[in-house]
Protein backbone atom coordinates (compact mmCIF):
# COMPACT_ATOMS: atom_id res chain seq x y z
CA UNK A 1 -7.90 20.11 8.22
CA UNK A 2 -10.82 23.12 7.43
CA UNK A 3 -14.21 23.18 8.92
CA UNK A 4 -15.78 22.02 6.56
CA UNK A 5 -13.60 18.51 5.31
CA UNK A 6 -14.60 17.42 8.88
CA UNK A 7 -18.31 17.45 8.02
CA UNK A 8 -20.47 15.35 6.51
CA UNK A 9 -23.16 14.95 3.57
CA UNK A 10 -26.59 15.43 5.66
CA UNK A 11 -29.97 13.89 3.73
CA UNK A 12 -31.21 17.08 1.64
CA UNK A 13 -35.50 18.38 2.41
CA UNK A 14 -37.12 19.12 -0.93
CA UNK A 15 -38.19 22.90 0.32
CA UNK A 16 -35.08 23.40 2.48
CA UNK A 17 -33.32 26.46 1.24
CA UNK A 18 -30.65 26.68 -1.07
CA UNK A 19 -27.23 26.83 0.93
CA UNK A 20 -26.04 30.70 0.70
CA UNK A 21 -23.76 30.94 -2.27
CA UNK A 22 -21.25 33.50 0.60
CA UNK A 23 -20.68 30.48 2.07
CA UNK A 24 -18.78 29.70 -1.32
CA UNK A 25 -15.77 32.02 0.12
CA UNK A 26 -14.65 28.80 2.28
CA UNK A 27 -13.98 26.61 -0.79
CA UNK A 28 -12.06 29.14 -2.67
CA UNK A 29 -10.93 27.83 -6.19
CA UNK A 30 -14.02 26.58 -6.67
CA UNK A 31 -16.45 28.77 -9.51
CA UNK A 32 -19.77 29.88 -8.58
CA UNK A 33 -21.84 29.10 -11.92
CA UNK A 34 -25.39 29.49 -13.18
CA UNK A 35 -25.88 26.65 -15.94
CA UNK A 36 -30.15 26.07 -16.53
CA UNK A 37 -31.13 28.44 -14.07
CA UNK A 38 -29.28 26.21 -11.01
CA UNK A 39 -26.03 27.72 -9.38
CA UNK A 40 -23.06 24.91 -8.70
CA UNK A 41 -19.87 25.10 -7.81
CA UNK A 42 -16.96 23.50 -10.33
CA UNK A 43 -13.87 23.06 -10.39
CA UNK A 44 -11.20 21.69 -12.74
CA UNK A 45 -8.22 19.93 -11.45
CA UNK A 46 -4.90 19.21 -13.54
CA UNK A 47 -2.66 16.37 -13.34
CA UNK A 48 0.68 15.00 -15.01
CA UNK A 49 -1.44 11.92 -16.62
CA UNK A 50 -4.50 10.67 -17.64
CA UNK A 51 -3.80 7.70 -15.14
CA UNK A 52 -3.36 10.49 -12.15
CA UNK A 53 -6.18 12.10 -13.60
CA UNK A 54 -9.02 9.01 -13.70
CA UNK A 55 -7.31 7.75 -9.92
CA UNK A 56 -8.94 11.15 -8.54
CA UNK A 57 -11.79 10.95 -10.69
CA UNK A 58 -12.27 7.02 -8.59
CA UNK A 59 -11.44 9.00 -5.54
CA UNK A 60 -13.99 11.33 -5.52
CA UNK A 61 -16.28 8.56 -6.68
CA UNK A 62 -15.52 6.49 -3.67
CA UNK A 63 -16.07 9.82 -1.29
CA UNK A 64 -19.24 10.42 -3.44
CA UNK A 65 -20.23 7.44 -2.51
CA UNK A 66 -19.66 7.43 1.05
CA UNK A 67 -21.50 10.57 1.14
CA UNK A 68 -24.20 10.09 -1.21
CA UNK A 69 -23.98 13.33 -2.24
CA UNK A 70 -22.49 13.01 -6.37
CA UNK A 71 -21.15 15.19 -8.69
CA UNK A 72 -20.67 15.30 -12.54
CA UNK A 73 -17.30 14.67 -13.34
CA UNK A 74 -15.57 15.08 -17.03
CA UNK A 75 -12.27 12.86 -16.76
CA UNK A 76 -9.89 14.17 -19.44
CA UNK A 77 -6.53 13.35 -20.06
CA UNK A 78 -4.60 15.49 -17.47
CA UNK A 79 -7.69 17.13 -16.05
CA UNK A 80 -10.67 16.49 -13.78
CA UNK A 81 -13.81 19.46 -14.65
CA UNK A 82 -15.60 18.30 -10.77
CA UNK A 83 -19.28 19.99 -10.31
CA UNK A 84 -21.35 20.21 -7.09
CA UNK A 85 -25.10 21.39 -6.70
CA UNK A 86 -28.02 19.53 -5.17
CA UNK A 87 -30.68 18.15 -7.98
CA UNK A 88 -33.84 18.13 -5.38
CA UNK A 89 -33.38 21.78 -4.82
CA UNK A 90 -31.95 22.99 -7.87
CA UNK A 91 -29.10 24.67 -6.36
CA UNK A 92 -26.17 24.51 -3.94
CA UNK A 93 -26.79 23.13 -0.40
CA UNK A 94 -24.41 22.83 2.66
CA UNK A 95 -23.40 19.48 1.24
CA UNK A 96 -22.35 20.71 -1.63
CA UNK A 97 -19.36 22.61 0.08
CA UNK A 98 -18.65 20.21 1.86
CA UNK A 99 -18.26 17.93 -0.57
CA UNK A 100 -16.52 21.21 -2.87
CA UNK A 101 -13.59 20.88 0.85
CA UNK A 102 -14.15 17.35 0.88
CA UNK A 103 -12.99 17.11 -2.92
CA UNK A 104 -10.00 19.51 -1.98
CA UNK A 105 -8.50 17.49 0.52
CA UNK A 106 -8.46 14.51 -1.65
CA UNK A 107 -6.60 16.63 -4.82
CA UNK A 108 -4.24 17.64 -2.09
CA UNK A 109 -3.05 13.96 -1.32
CA UNK A 110 -3.32 12.95 -5.14
CA UNK A 111 -1.00 15.27 -6.38
CA UNK A 112 -3.36 18.66 -7.84
CA UNK A 113 -1.30 20.83 -9.71
CA UNK A 114 -2.71 24.31 -9.72
């Protein structure tokens, strides 16, 4: 299990500086996007059916609740788009990279295919 998958999300302090985008190298397959001036991590996961995509969405939701850090999720037939960023700091924080890595772990367990 990669190091970030073993970490847990921590409370964010509003004045905390955004996490360096170079950390993105630890979560390959994720795109670094800028939407509305806010850096975000996004990845599309593909599944063989809507039911599989929905099950994955629910697993990501359960993880988000457990960690207290929540993504934007878009569930469609055979695909789920997951977007992580930290609202308090309007950018990326270490928690986003941790959660991206944990999402990758869930995808591997859920039958995600490239």
